PDB file of N, CA and C in Angstrom:
ATOM      1  N   MET A   1      -7.477 -86.497  28.963  1.00  0.00           N
ATOM      2  CA  MET A   1      -6.356 -86.715  29.860  1.00  0.00           C
ATOM      3  C   MET A   1      -6.747 -87.647  31.015  1.00  0.00           C
ATOM      4  N   ASP A   2      -7.955 -87.475  31.527  1.00  0.00           N
ATOM      5  CA  ASP A   2      -8.387 -88.324  32.638  1.00  0.00           C
ATOM      6  C   ASP A   2      -8.428 -89.791  32.240  1.00  0.00           C
ATOM      7  N   SER A   3      -8.879 -90.069  31.015  1.00  0.00           N
ATOM      8  CA  SER A   3      -9.009 -91.470  30.607  1.00  0.00           C
ATOM      9  C   SER A   3      -7.647 -92.133  30.424  1.00  0.00           C
ATOM     10  N   ILE A   4      -6.675 -91.442  29.844  1.00  0.00           N
ATOM     11  CA  ILE A   4      -5.349 -92.055  29.673  1.00  0.00           C
ATOM     12  C   ILE A   4      -4.662 -92.200  31.031  1.00  0.00           C
ATOM     13  N   MET A   5      -4.885 -91.249  31.922  1.00  0.00           N
ATOM     14  CA  MET A   5      -4.306 -91.356  33.266  1.00  0.00           C
ATOM     15  C   MET A   5      -4.892 -92.574  33.987  1.00  0.00           C
ATOM     16  N   SER A   6      -6.201 -92.748  33.904  1.00  0.00           N
ATOM     17  CA  SER A   6      -6.832 -93.920  34.532  1.00  0.00           C
ATOM     18  C   SER A   6      -6.334 -95.214  33.909  1.00  0.00           C
ATOM     19  N   TYR A   7      -6.192 -95.217  32.596  1.00  0.00           N
ATOM     20  CA  TYR A   7      -5.716 -96.408  31.887  1.00  0.00           C
ATOM     21  C   TYR A   7      -4.298 -96.774  32.328  1.00  0.00           C
ATOM     22  N   MET A   8      -3.414 -95.797  32.401  1.00  0.00           N
ATOM     23  CA  MET A   8      -2.020 -96.059  32.759  1.00  0.00           C
ATOM     24  C   MET A   8      -1.858 -96.463  34.227  1.00  0.00           C
ATOM     25  N   ARG A   9      -2.833 -96.128  35.069  1.00  0.00           N
ATOM     26  CA  ARG A   9      -2.770 -96.498  36.487  1.00  0.00           C
ATOM     27  C   ARG A   9      -3.697 -97.662  36.815  1.00  0.00           C
ATOM     28  N   TYR A  10      -4.144 -98.363  35.793  1.00  0.00           N
ATOM     29  CA  TYR A  10      -5.116 -99.441  35.969  1.00  0.00           C
ATOM     30  C   TYR A  10      -4.502-100.678  36.621  1.00  0.00           C
ATOM     31  N   ASN A  11      -5.153-101.160  37.665  1.00  0.00           N
ATOM     32  CA  ASN A  11      -4.806-102.443  38.275  1.00  0.00           C
ATOM     33  C   ASN A  11      -6.015-102.933  39.072  1.00  0.00           C
ATOM     34  N   ASN A  12      -6.921-103.582  38.399  1.00  0.00           N
ATOM     35  CA  ASN A  12      -8.085-104.194  39.048  1.00  0.00           C
ATOM     36  C   ASN A  12      -7.912-105.710  38.926  1.00  0.00           C
ATOM     37  N   TYR A  13      -6.761-106.175  39.408  1.00  0.00           N
ATOM     38  CA  TYR A  13      -6.305-107.538  39.143  1.00  0.00           C
ATOM     39  C   TYR A  13      -7.245-108.641  39.614  1.00  0.00           C
ATOM     40  N   LYS A  14      -8.021-108.412  40.646  1.00  0.00           N
ATOM     41  CA  LYS A  14      -8.916-109.474  41.119  1.00  0.00           C
ATOM     42  C   LYS A  14     -10.119-109.674  40.204  1.00  0.00           C
ATOM     43  N   ASN A  15     -10.415-108.690  39.353  1.00  0.00           N
ATOM     44  CA  ASN A  15     -11.565-108.771  38.447  1.00  0.00           C
ATOM     45  C   ASN A  15     -11.192-108.734  36.972  1.00  0.00           C
ATOM     46  N   ASP A  16      -9.921-108.541  36.671  1.00  0.00           N
ATOM     47  CA  ASP A  16      -9.461-108.424  35.287  1.00  0.00           C
ATOM     48  C   ASP A  16      -9.089-109.803  34.747  1.00  0.00           C
ATOM     49  N   PRO A  17      -9.742-110.266  33.674  1.00  0.00           N
ATOM     50  CA  PRO A  17      -9.410-111.593  33.135  1.00  0.00           C
ATOM     51  C   PRO A  17      -7.958-111.705  32.670  1.00  0.00           C
ATOM     52  N   LEU A  18      -7.323-110.587  32.306  1.00  0.00           N
ATOM     53  CA  LEU A  18      -5.920-110.639  31.882  1.00  0.00           C
ATOM     54  C   LEU A  18      -4.964-110.831  33.059  1.00  0.00           C
ATOM     55  N   SER A  19      -5.453-110.685  34.263  1.00  0.00           N
ATOM     56  CA  SER A  19      -4.632-110.911  35.454  1.00  0.00           C
ATOM     57  C   SER A  19      -4.838-112.303  36.052  1.00  0.00           C
ATOM     58  N   ARG A  20      -5.654-113.107  35.417  1.00  0.00           N
ATOM     59  CA  ARG A  20      -5.853-114.491  35.869  1.00  0.00           C
ATOM     60  C   ARG A  20      -4.571-115.274  35.597  1.00  0.00           C
ATOM     61  N   CYS A  21      -4.303-116.239  36.445  1.00  0.00           N
ATOM     62  CA  CYS A  21      -3.099-117.046  36.259  1.00  0.00           C
ATOM     63  C   CYS A  21      -3.326-118.451  36.802  1.00  0.00           C
ATOM     64  N   ASN A  22      -2.439-119.342  36.416  1.00  0.00           N
ATOM     65  CA  ASN A  22      -2.436-120.703  36.928  1.00  0.00           C
ATOM     66  C   ASN A  22      -1.599-120.695  38.209  1.00  0.00           C
ATOM     67  N   CYS A  23      -2.127-120.033  39.233  1.00  0.00           N
ATOM     68  CA  CYS A  23      -1.400-119.846  40.478  1.00  0.00           C
ATOM     69  C   CYS A  23      -2.403-119.791  41.626  1.00  0.00           C
ATOM     70  N   THR A  24      -1.876-119.680  42.822  1.00  0.00           N
ATOM     71  CA  THR A  24      -2.718-119.566  44.006  1.00  0.00           C
ATOM     72  C   THR A  24      -2.287-118.320  44.771  1.00  0.00           C
ATOM     73  N   PRO A  25      -3.169-117.329  44.906  1.00  0.00           N
ATOM     74  CA  PRO A  25      -4.533-117.217  44.391  1.00  0.00           C
ATOM     75  C   PRO A  25      -4.548-117.124  42.863  1.00  0.00           C
ATOM     76  N   PRO A  26      -5.716-117.273  42.249  1.00  0.00           N
ATOM     77  CA  PRO A  26      -5.795-117.387  40.785  1.00  0.00           C
ATOM     78  C   PRO A  26      -5.737-116.065  40.019  1.00  0.00           C
ATOM     79  N   TYR A  27      -5.128-115.042  40.600  1.00  0.00           N
ATOM     80  CA  TYR A  27      -4.967-113.753  39.930  1.00  0.00           C
ATOM     81  C   TYR A  27      -3.637-113.152  40.372  1.00  0.00           C
ATOM     82  N   ASN A  28      -3.140-112.210  39.577  1.00  0.00           N
ATOM     83  CA  ASN A  28      -1.801-111.705  39.800  1.00  0.00           C
ATOM     84  C   ASN A  28      -1.752-110.192  39.561  1.00  0.00           C
ATOM     85  N   PRO A  29      -1.415-109.380  40.573  1.00  0.00           N
ATOM     86  CA  PRO A  29      -1.368-107.931  40.414  1.00  0.00           C
ATOM     87  C   PRO A  29      -0.195-107.437  39.577  1.00  0.00           C
ATOM     88  N   VAL A  30       0.706-108.323  39.228  1.00  0.00           N
ATOM     89  CA  VAL A  30       1.858-107.953  38.413  1.00  0.00           C
ATOM     90  C   VAL A  30       1.495-107.921  36.930  1.00  0.00           C
ATOM     91  N   TYR A  31       0.440-108.610  36.532  1.00  0.00           N
ATOM     92  CA  TYR A  31       0.032-108.666  35.129  1.00  0.00           C
ATOM     93  C   TYR A  31      -0.722-107.420  34.675  1.00  0.00           C
ATOM     94  N   ALA A  32      -1.065-106.533  35.582  1.00  0.00           N
ATOM     95  CA  ALA A  32      -1.808-105.316  35.242  1.00  0.00           C
ATOM     96  C   ALA A  32      -0.870-104.258  34.665  1.00  0.00           C
ATOM     97  N   ILE A  33      -1.442-103.261  34.029  1.00  0.00           N
ATOM     98  CA  ILE A  33      -0.646-102.174  33.450  1.00  0.00           C
ATOM     99  C   ILE A  33       0.189-101.502  34.531  1.00  0.00           C
ATOM    100  N   ALA A  34      -0.426-101.176  35.654  1.00  0.00           N
ATOM    101  CA  ALA A  34       0.292-100.573  36.780  1.00  0.00           C
ATOM    102  C   ALA A  34       0.617-101.691  37.779  1.00  0.00           C
ATOM    103  N   ALA A  35       1.619-102.479  37.441  1.00  0.00           N
ATOM    104  CA  ALA A  35       1.994-103.650  38.245  1.00  0.00           C
ATOM    105  C   ALA A  35       2.343-103.257  39.676  1.00  0.00           C
ATOM    106  N   ARG A  36       1.983-104.142  40.614  1.00  0.00           N
ATOM    107  CA  ARG A  36       2.332-103.945  42.026  1.00  0.00           C
ATOM    108  C   ARG A  36       2.686-105.284  42.654  1.00  0.00           C
ATOM    109  N   TYR A  37       3.981-105.506  42.862  1.00  0.00           N
ATOM    110  CA  TYR A  37       4.445-106.737  43.501  1.00  0.00           C
ATOM    111  C   TYR A  37       4.078-106.777  44.980  1.00  0.00           C
ATOM    112  N   ASP A  38       3.894-105.631  45.602  1.00  0.00           N
ATOM    113  CA  ASP A  38       3.538-105.621  47.028  1.00  0.00           C
ATOM    114  C   ASP A  38       2.167-106.226  47.283  1.00  0.00           C
ATOM    115  N   LEU A  39       1.331-106.327  46.242  1.00  0.00           N
ATOM    116  CA  LEU A  39      -0.004-106.909  46.395  1.00  0.00           C
ATOM    117  C   LEU A  39      -0.024-108.425  46.208  1.00  0.00           C
ATOM    118  N   LEU A  40       1.118-109.014  45.832  1.00  0.00           N
ATOM    119  CA  LEU A  40       1.181-110.475  45.743  1.00  0.00           C
ATOM    120  C   LEU A  40       0.937-111.070  47.126  1.00  0.00           C
ATOM    121  N   SER A  41       0.249-112.177  47.153  1.00  0.00           N
ATOM    122  CA  SER A  41      -0.019-112.844  48.424  1.00  0.00           C
ATOM    123  C   SER A  41       1.290-113.369  49.013  1.00  0.00           C
ATOM    124  N   PRO A  42       1.557-113.102  50.298  1.00  0.00           N
ATOM    125  CA  PRO A  42       2.786-113.616  50.900  1.00  0.00           C
ATOM    126  C   PRO A  42       2.824-115.140  50.931  1.00  0.00           C
ATOM    127  N   ASN A  43       1.670-115.776  50.860  1.00  0.00           N
ATOM    128  CA  ASN A  43       1.590-117.239  50.847  1.00  0.00           C
ATOM    129  C   ASN A  43       1.220-117.772  49.472  1.00  0.00           C
ATOM    130  N   GLY A  44       1.270-116.910  48.473  1.00  0.00           N
ATOM    131  CA  GLY A  44       0.881-117.316  47.125  1.00  0.00           C
ATOM    132  C   GLY A  44       1.869-118.276  46.495  1.00  0.00           C
ATOM    133  N   GLU A  45       1.380-119.026  45.537  1.00  0.00           N
ATOM    134  CA  GLU A  45       2.220-119.942  44.762  1.00  0.00           C
ATOM    135  C   GLU A  45       2.120-119.515  43.306  1.00  0.00           C
ATOM    136  N   TYR A  46       3.250-119.044  42.767  1.00  0.00           N
ATOM    137  CA  TYR A  46       3.300-118.511  41.408  1.00  0.00           C
ATOM    138  C   TYR A  46       4.314-119.306  40.603  1.00  0.00           C
ATOM    139  N   ILE A  47       4.000-119.583  39.341  1.00  0.00           N
ATOM    140  CA  ILE A  47       4.882-120.421  38.532  1.00  0.00           C
ATOM    141  C   ILE A  47       6.036-119.634  37.918  1.00  0.00           C
ATOM    142  N   GLU A  48       5.900-118.319  37.790  1.00  0.00           N
ATOM    143  CA  GLU A  48       6.962-117.516  37.192  1.00  0.00           C
ATOM    144  C   GLU A  48       8.074-117.261  38.208  1.00  0.00           C
ATOM    145  N   PRO A  49       9.331-117.336  37.771  1.00  0.00           N
ATOM    146  CA  PRO A  49      10.425-116.995  38.686  1.00  0.00           C
ATOM    147  C   PRO A  49      10.356-115.501  39.035  1.00  0.00           C
ATOM    148  N   GLY A  50      10.764-115.152  40.217  1.00  0.00           N
ATOM    149  CA  GLY A  50      10.780-113.753  40.635  1.00  0.00           C
ATOM    150  C   GLY A  50       9.442-113.217  41.096  1.00  0.00           C
ATOM    151  N   MET A  51       8.452-114.076  41.240  1.00  0.00           N
ATOM    152  CA  MET A  51       7.121-113.652  41.677  1.00  0.00           C
ATOM    153  C   MET A  51       7.038-113.771  43.189  1.00  0.00           C
ATOM    154  N   TYR A  52       7.369-112.709  43.882  1.00  0.00           N
ATOM    155  CA  TYR A  52       7.246-112.675  45.334  1.00  0.00           C
ATOM    156  C   TYR A  52       7.010-111.231  45.770  1.00  0.00           C
ATOM    157  N   ARG A  53       6.456-111.043  46.967  1.00  0.00           N
ATOM    158  CA  ARG A  53       6.134-109.707  47.473  1.00  0.00           C
ATOM    159  C   ARG A  53       7.401-108.896  47.652  1.00  0.00           C
ATOM    160  N   ARG A  54       7.386-107.681  47.128  1.00  0.00           N
ATOM    161  CA  ARG A  54       8.491-106.741  47.287  1.00  0.00           C
ATOM    162  C   ARG A  54       8.047-105.364  46.832  1.00  0.00           C
ATOM    163  N   ALA A  55       8.850-104.382  47.108  1.00  0.00           N
ATOM    164  CA  ALA A  55       8.526-102.998  46.750  1.00  0.00           C
ATOM    165  C   ALA A  55       8.971-102.731  45.311  1.00  0.00           C
ATOM    166  N   VAL A  56       8.243-103.306  44.378  1.00  0.00           N
ATOM    167  CA  VAL A  56       8.557-103.183  42.948  1.00  0.00           C
ATOM    168  C   VAL A  56       7.248-102.994  42.199  1.00  0.00           C
ATOM    169  N   GLY A  57       7.309-102.276  41.102  1.00  0.00           N
ATOM    170  CA  GLY A  57       6.126-102.103  40.257  1.00  0.00           C
ATOM    171  C   GLY A  57       6.061-100.716  39.666  1.00  0.00           C
ATOM    172  N   GLY A  58       4.932-100.413  39.054  1.00  0.00           N
ATOM    173  CA  GLY A  58       4.727 -99.092  38.468  1.00  0.00           C
ATOM    174  C   GLY A  58       4.653 -98.038  39.563  1.00  0.00           C
ATOM    175  N   ILE A  59       5.486 -97.004  39.452  1.00  0.00           N
ATOM    176  CA  ILE A  59       5.539 -96.013  40.532  1.00  0.00           C
ATOM    177  C   ILE A  59       5.065 -94.619  40.146  1.00  0.00           C
ATOM    178  N   ASP A  60       4.870 -94.346  38.886  1.00  0.00           N
ATOM    179  CA  ASP A  60       4.349 -93.035  38.522  1.00  0.00           C
ATOM    180  C   ASP A  60       3.830 -93.060  37.092  1.00  0.00           C
ATOM    181  N   VAL A  61       3.115 -92.007  36.741  1.00  0.00           N
ATOM    182  CA  VAL A  61       2.616 -91.835  35.374  1.00  0.00           C
ATOM    183  C   VAL A  61       2.766 -90.369  35.016  1.00  0.00           C
ATOM    184  N   LYS A  62       3.232 -90.125  33.803  1.00  0.00           N
ATOM    185  CA  LYS A  62       3.319 -88.774  33.267  1.00  0.00           C
ATOM    186  C   LYS A  62       2.646 -88.790  31.904  1.00  0.00           C
ATOM    187  N   VAL A  63       1.703 -87.890  31.667  1.00  0.00           N
ATOM    188  CA  VAL A  63       1.010 -87.838  30.382  1.00  0.00           C
ATOM    189  C   VAL A  63       0.940 -86.400  29.887  1.00  0.00           C
ATOM    190  N   THR A  64       0.857 -86.281  28.578  1.00  0.00           N
ATOM    191  CA  THR A  64       0.687 -84.980  27.952  1.00  0.00           C
ATOM    192  C   THR A  64      -0.134 -85.173  26.684  1.00  0.00           C
ATOM    193  N   ASN A  65      -0.483 -84.090  26.063  1.00  0.00           N
ATOM    194  CA  ASN A  65      -1.162 -84.138  24.773  1.00  0.00           C
ATOM    195  C   ASN A  65      -0.570 -83.037  23.901  1.00  0.00           C
ATOM    196  N   ARG A  66      -1.076 -82.891  22.705  1.00  0.00           N
ATOM    197  CA  ARG A  66      -0.503 -81.919  21.778  1.00  0.00           C
ATOM    198  C   ARG A  66      -0.543 -80.505  22.351  1.00  0.00           C
ATOM    199  N   GLU A  67      -1.682 -80.145  22.911  1.00  0.00           N
ATOM    200  CA  GLU A  67      -1.828 -78.791  23.456  1.00  0.00           C
ATOM    201  C   GLU A  67      -0.858 -78.539  24.607  1.00  0.00           C
ATOM    202  N   LEU A  68      -0.813 -79.467  25.549  1.00  0.00           N
ATOM    203  CA  LEU A  68       0.079 -79.295  26.696  1.00  0.00           C
ATOM    204  C   LEU A  68       1.548 -79.359  26.290  1.00  0.00           C
ATOM    205  N   SER A  69       1.899 -80.290  25.427  1.00  0.00           N
ATOM    206  CA  SER A  69       3.312 -80.431  25.060  1.00  0.00           C
ATOM    207  C   SER A  69       3.827 -79.209  24.307  1.00  0.00           C
ATOM    208  N   SER A  70       2.953 -78.527  23.564  1.00  0.00           N
ATOM    209  CA  SER A  70       3.399 -77.336  22.828  1.00  0.00           C
ATOM    210  C   SER A  70       3.807 -76.213  23.779  1.00  0.00           C
ATOM    211  N   SER A  71       3.337 -76.263  25.010  1.00  0.00           N
ATOM    212  CA  SER A  71       3.740 -75.257  25.996  1.00  0.00           C
ATOM    213  C   SER A  71       4.545 -75.889  27.145  1.00  0.00           C
ATOM    214  N   LEU A  72       5.159 -77.038  26.856  1.00  0.00           N
ATOM    215  CA  LEU A  72       6.035 -77.733  27.807  1.00  0.00           C
ATOM    216  C   LEU A  72       5.317 -78.082  29.115  1.00  0.00           C
ATOM    217  N   GLU A  73       4.100 -78.633  28.991  1.00  0.00           N
ATOM    218  CA  GLU A  73       3.315 -79.002  30.163  1.00  0.00           C
ATOM    219  C   GLU A  73       3.005 -80.495  30.146  1.00  0.00           C
ATOM    220  N   TYR A  74       2.774 -81.036  31.330  1.00  0.00           N
ATOM    221  CA  TYR A  74       2.341 -82.424  31.459  1.00  0.00           C
ATOM    222  C   TYR A  74       1.603 -82.589  32.780  1.00  0.00           C
ATOM    223  N   VAL A  75       0.937 -83.709  32.922  1.00  0.00           N
ATOM    224  CA  VAL A  75       0.264 -84.060  34.169  1.00  0.00           C
ATOM    225  C   VAL A  75       0.929 -85.333  34.682  1.00  0.00           C
ATOM    226  N   ALA A  76       1.249 -85.366  35.964  1.00  0.00           N
ATOM    227  CA  ALA A  76       1.936 -86.522  36.545  1.00  0.00           C
ATOM    228  C   ALA A  76       1.307 -86.880  37.880  1.00  0.00           C
ATOM    229  N   VAL A  77       1.449 -88.137  38.232  1.00  0.00           N
ATOM    230  CA  VAL A  77       1.049 -88.585  39.567  1.00  0.00           C
ATOM    231  C   VAL A  77       2.134 -89.534  40.068  1.00  0.00           C
ATOM    232  N   SER A  78       2.509 -89.356  41.325  1.00  0.00           N
ATOM    233  CA  SER A  78       3.586 -90.141  41.920  1.00  0.00           C
ATOM    234  C   SER A  78       3.021 -91.264  42.780  1.00  0.00           C
ATOM    235  N   GLY A  79       3.713 -92.366  42.767  1.00  0.00           N
ATOM    236  CA  GLY A  79       3.367 -93.483  43.634  1.00  0.00           C
ATOM    237  C   GLY A  79       2.609 -94.579  42.928  1.00  0.00           C
ATOM    238  N   PRO A  80       2.589 -95.760  43.527  1.00  0.00           N
ATOM    239  CA  PRO A  80       1.827 -96.878  42.969  1.00  0.00           C
ATOM    240  C   PRO A  80       0.341 -96.538  42.879  1.00  0.00           C
ATOM    241  N   THR A  81      -0.334 -97.176  41.948  1.00  0.00           N
ATOM    242  CA  THR A  81      -1.757 -96.917  41.763  1.00  0.00           C
ATOM    243  C   THR A  81      -2.564 -97.246  43.007  1.00  0.00           C
ATOM    244  N   TRP A  82      -3.681 -96.560  43.150  1.00  0.00           N
ATOM    245  CA  TRP A  82      -4.584 -96.831  44.270  1.00  0.00           C
ATOM    246  C   TRP A  82      -6.049 -96.663  43.874  1.00  0.00           C
ATOM    247  N   GLN A  83      -6.346 -96.593  42.585  1.00  0.00           N
ATOM    248  CA  GLN A  83      -7.742 -96.360  42.197  1.00  0.00           C
ATOM    249  C   GLN A  83      -8.628 -97.587  42.389  1.00  0.00           C
ATOM    250  N   ASP A  84      -8.132 -98.795  42.197  1.00  0.00           N
ATOM    251  CA  ASP A  84      -8.935-100.013  42.381  1.00  0.00           C
ATOM    252  C   ASP A  84      -8.360-100.936  43.451  1.00  0.00           C
ATOM    253  N   VAL A  85      -7.275-100.524  44.046  1.00  0.00           N
ATOM    254  CA  VAL A  85      -6.585-101.324  45.065  1.00  0.00           C
ATOM    255  C   VAL A  85      -6.205-100.397  46.222  1.00  0.00           C
ATOM    256  N   PRO A  86      -5.865-100.944  47.376  1.00  0.00           N
ATOM    257  CA  PRO A  86      -5.480-100.070  48.492  1.00  0.00           C
ATOM    258  C   PRO A  86      -4.205 -99.291  48.163  1.00  0.00           C
ATOM    259  N   PRO A  87      -4.086 -98.063  48.658  1.00  0.00           N
ATOM    260  CA  PRO A  87      -2.846 -97.321  48.439  1.00  0.00           C
ATOM    261  C   PRO A  87      -1.687 -98.018  49.146  1.00  0.00           C
ATOM    262  N   PHE A  88      -0.498 -97.873  48.580  1.00  0.00           N
ATOM    263  CA  PHE A  88       0.681 -98.455  49.215  1.00  0.00           C
ATOM    264  C   PHE A  88       0.983 -97.684  50.495  1.00  0.00           C
ATOM    265  N   GLN A  89       1.269 -98.422  51.569  1.00  0.00           N
ATOM    266  CA  GLN A  89       1.601 -97.807  52.853  1.00  0.00           C
ATOM    267  C   GLN A  89       2.711 -98.620  53.502  1.00  0.00           C
ATOM    268  N   TRP A  90       3.852 -97.958  53.741  1.00  0.00           N
ATOM    269  CA  TRP A  90       4.996 -98.653  54.318  1.00  0.00           C
ATOM    270  C   TRP A  90       4.662 -99.307  55.651  1.00  0.00           C
ATOM    271  N   SER A  91       3.961 -98.598  56.527  1.00  0.00           N
ATOM    272  CA  SER A  91       3.723 -99.102  57.886  1.00  0.00           C
ATOM    273  C   SER A  91       2.841-100.342  57.930  1.00  0.00           C
ATOM    274  N   THR A  92       2.094-100.600  56.877  1.00  0.00           N
ATOM    275  CA  THR A  92       1.248-101.800  56.856  1.00  0.00           C
ATOM    276  C   THR A  92       1.714-102.823  55.820  1.00  0.00           C
ATOM    277  N   SER A  93       2.790-102.508  55.095  1.00  0.00           N
ATOM    278  CA  SER A  93       3.225-103.382  53.999  1.00  0.00           C
ATOM    279  C   SER A  93       3.950-104.637  54.467  1.00  0.00           C
ATOM    280  N   GLY A  94       4.615-104.564  55.610  1.00  0.00           N
ATOM    281  CA  GLY A  94       5.416-105.692  56.064  1.00  0.00           C
ATOM    282  C   GLY A  94       6.717-105.842  55.294  1.00  0.00           C
ATOM    283  N   LEU A  95       7.040-104.892  54.432  1.00  0.00           N
ATOM    284  CA  LEU A  95       8.271-104.963  53.640  1.00  0.00           C
ATOM    285  C   LEU A  95       9.426-104.337  54.417  1.00  0.00           C
ATOM    286  N   PRO A  96      10.628-104.939  54.340  1.00  0.00           N
ATOM    287  CA  PRO A  96      11.751-104.496  55.161  1.00  0.00           C
ATOM    288  C   PRO A  96      12.600-103.383  54.540  1.00  0.00           C
ATOM    289  N   ASP A  97      12.244-102.901  53.362  1.00  0.00           N
ATOM    290  CA  ASP A  97      13.087-101.939  52.647  1.00  0.00           C
ATOM    291  C   ASP A  97      13.260-100.622  53.410  1.00  0.00           C
ATOM    292  N   ASN A  98      14.455-100.055  53.294  1.00  0.00           N
ATOM    293  CA  ASN A  98      14.739 -98.749  53.865  1.00  0.00           C
ATOM    294  C   ASN A  98      13.946 -97.706  53.072  1.00  0.00           C
ATOM    295  N   HIS A  99      13.224 -96.851  53.756  1.00  0.00           N
ATOM    296  CA  HIS A  99      12.421 -95.834  53.067  1.00  0.00           C
ATOM    297  C   HIS A  99      12.478 -94.492  53.797  1.00  0.00           C
ATOM    298  N   VAL A 100      13.640 -94.192  54.362  1.00  0.00           N
ATOM    299  CA  VAL A 100      13.846 -92.941  55.085  1.00  0.00           C
ATOM    300  C   VAL A 100      13.569 -91.767  54.146  1.00  0.00           C
ATOM    301  N   GLY A 101      12.810 -90.809  54.627  1.00  0.00           N
ATOM    302  CA  GLY A 101      12.503 -89.619  53.841  1.00  0.00           C
ATOM    303  C   GLY A 101      11.287 -89.758  52.945  1.00  0.00           C
ATOM    304  N   GLN A 102      10.740 -90.949  52.853  1.00  0.00           N
ATOM    305  CA  GLN A 102       9.549 -91.158  52.033  1.00  0.00           C
ATOM    306  C   GLN A 102       8.303 -91.049  52.896  1.00  0.00           C
ATOM    307  N   PRO A 103       7.189 -90.649  52.298  1.00  0.00           N
ATOM    308  CA  PRO A 103       5.943 -90.644  53.067  1.00  0.00           C
ATOM    309  C   PRO A 103       5.530 -92.067  53.405  1.00  0.00           C
ATOM    310  N   ASP A 104       4.762 -92.226  54.460  1.00  0.00           N
ATOM    311  CA  ASP A 104       4.277 -93.551  54.839  1.00  0.00           C
ATOM    312  C   ASP A 104       3.244 -94.047  53.834  1.00  0.00           C
ATOM    313  N   LYS A 105       2.286 -93.218  53.515  1.00  0.00           N
ATOM    314  CA  LYS A 105       1.188 -93.619  52.625  1.00  0.00           C
ATOM    315  C   LYS A 105       1.310 -92.891  51.287  1.00  0.00           C
ATOM    316  N   TRP A 106       1.311 -93.660  50.207  1.00  0.00           N
ATOM    317  CA  TRP A 106       1.456 -93.119  48.859  1.00  0.00           C
ATOM    318  C   TRP A 106       0.080 -93.028  48.201  1.00  0.00           C
ATOM    319  N   GLN A 107      -0.585 -91.922  48.448  1.00  0.00           N
ATOM    320  CA  GLN A 107      -1.917 -91.707  47.879  1.00  0.00           C
ATOM    321  C   GLN A 107      -2.010 -90.253  47.424  1.00  0.00           C
ATOM    322  N   PHE A 108      -1.436 -89.988  46.262  1.00  0.00           N
ATOM    323  CA  PHE A 108      -1.361 -88.629  45.747  1.00  0.00           C
ATOM    324  C   PHE A 108      -2.208 -88.478  44.496  1.00  0.00           C
ATOM    325  N   GLY A 109      -2.742 -87.303  44.320  1.00  0.00           N
ATOM    326  CA  GLY A 109      -3.487 -86.987  43.114  1.00  0.00           C
ATOM    327  C   GLY A 109      -2.560 -86.439  42.042  1.00  0.00           C
ATOM    328  N   PRO A 110      -3.096 -86.204  40.857  1.00  0.00           N
ATOM    329  CA  PRO A 110      -2.283 -85.683  39.762  1.00  0.00           C
ATOM    330  C   PRO A 110      -1.845 -84.238  39.999  1.00  0.00           C
ATOM    331  N   VAL A 111      -0.702 -83.901  39.423  1.00  0.00           N
ATOM    332  CA  VAL A 111      -0.134 -82.561  39.492  1.00  0.00           C
ATOM    333  C   VAL A 111       0.102 -82.084  38.065  1.00  0.00           C
ATOM    334  N   HIS A 112      -0.305 -80.863  37.785  1.00  0.00           N
ATOM    335  CA  HIS A 112      -0.084 -80.253  36.466  1.00  0.00           C
ATOM    336  C   HIS A 112       1.209 -79.448  36.557  1.00  0.00           C
ATOM    337  N   HIS A 113       2.159 -79.745  35.673  1.00  0.00           N
ATOM    338  CA  HIS A 113       3.458 -79.077  35.720  1.00  0.00           C
ATOM    339  C   HIS A 113       3.735 -78.372  34.397  1.00  0.00           C
ATOM    340  N   LYS A 114       4.310 -77.186  34.495  1.00  0.00           N
ATOM    341  CA  LYS A 114       4.731 -76.447  33.300  1.00  0.00           C
ATOM    342  C   LYS A 114       6.204 -76.104  33.447  1.00  0.00           C
ATOM    343  N   TRP A 115       7.006 -76.565  32.489  1.00  0.00           N
ATOM    344  CA  TRP A 115       8.431 -76.251  32.489  1.00  0.00           C
ATOM    345  C   TRP A 115       8.625 -74.787  32.131  1.00  0.00           C
ATOM    346  N   GLN A 116       9.611 -74.195  32.731  1.00  0.00           N
ATOM    347  CA  GLN A 116       9.981 -72.823  32.400  1.00  0.00           C
ATOM    348  C   GLN A 116      11.261 -72.880  31.572  1.00  0.00           C
ATOM    349  N   PRO A 117      11.326 -72.093  30.504  1.00  0.00           N
ATOM    350  CA  PRO A 117      12.561 -72.094  29.702  1.00  0.00           C
ATOM    351  C   PRO A 117      13.753 -71.675  30.566  1.00  0.00           C
ATOM    352  N   ALA A 118      14.889 -72.246  30.271  1.00  0.00           N
ATOM    353  CA  ALA A 118      16.104 -71.903  31.008  1.00  0.00           C
ATOM    354  C   ALA A 118      16.455 -70.448  30.741  1.00  0.00           C
ATOM    355  N   ARG A 119      16.860 -69.771  31.777  1.00  0.00           N
ATOM    356  CA  ARG A 119      17.289 -68.381  31.614  1.00  0.00           C
ATOM    357  C   ARG A 119      18.739 -68.369  31.179  1.00  0.00           C
ATOM    358  N   SER A 120      19.047 -67.471  30.284  1.00  0.00           N
ATOM    359  CA  SER A 120      20.446 -67.331  29.886  1.00  0.00           C
ATOM    360  C   SER A 120      20.861 -65.892  30.118  1.00  0.00           C
ATOM    361  N   ASN A 121      22.068 -65.718  30.525  1.00  0.00           N
ATOM    362  CA  ASN A 121      22.621 -64.394  30.744  1.00  0.00           C
ATOM    363  C   ASN A 121      23.585 -64.125  29.610  1.00  0.00           C
ATOM    364  N   ARG A 122      23.107 -63.434  28.601  1.00  0.00           N
ATOM    365  CA  ARG A 122      23.936 -63.209  27.401  1.00  0.00           C
ATOM    366  C   ARG A 122      25.067 -62.231  27.664  1.00  0.00           C
ATOM    367  N   ASN A 123      24.994 -61.484  28.732  1.00  0.00           N
ATOM    368  CA  ASN A 123      26.051 -60.524  29.047  1.00  0.00           C
ATOM    369  C   ASN A 123      27.142 -61.150  29.910  1.00  0.00           C
ATOM    370  N   GLU A 124      26.962 -62.417  30.211  1.00  0.00           N
ATOM    371  CA  GLU A 124      27.921 -63.104  31.069  1.00  0.00           C
ATOM    372  C   GLU A 124      29.254 -63.248  30.345  1.00  0.00           C
ATOM    373  N   THR A 125      30.339 -62.947  31.027  1.00  0.00           N
ATOM    374  CA  THR A 125      31.667 -63.131  30.437  1.00  0.00           C
ATOM    375  C   THR A 125      32.252 -64.422  30.967  1.00  0.00           C
ATOM    376  N   ARG A 126      33.082 -64.997  30.183  1.00  0.00           N
ATOM    377  CA  ARG A 126      33.679 -66.277  30.577  1.00  0.00           C
ATOM    378  C   ARG A 126      35.122 -66.116  30.902  1.00  0.00           C
TER     379      ARG A 126
END
């Protein structure tokens, strides 16, 4: 589970050859599995349309396996990746988006969740 979670949250764009681009700077955090547009350089020059800094990208990961799924369980982590890059933080991002009710810094660990079957009241009259 740890390896698939790390894989799905991977973004080491400055060192990953698959994140290299014909742009300035010569790498792109959007090409990673856990894309993060907020990490684009504000002064960068990118050839693809729509390549500019904004609050867009991979925001969570949910994984399970045969054992966990058989008991309605999964492991999830919320927020943009932060394992090889700085965690996303509204107060230092410079982004103008409304984020009322959200935490300032998105640096959360995984959570193990187990669904509970829905309760039914068979004696309920309609």
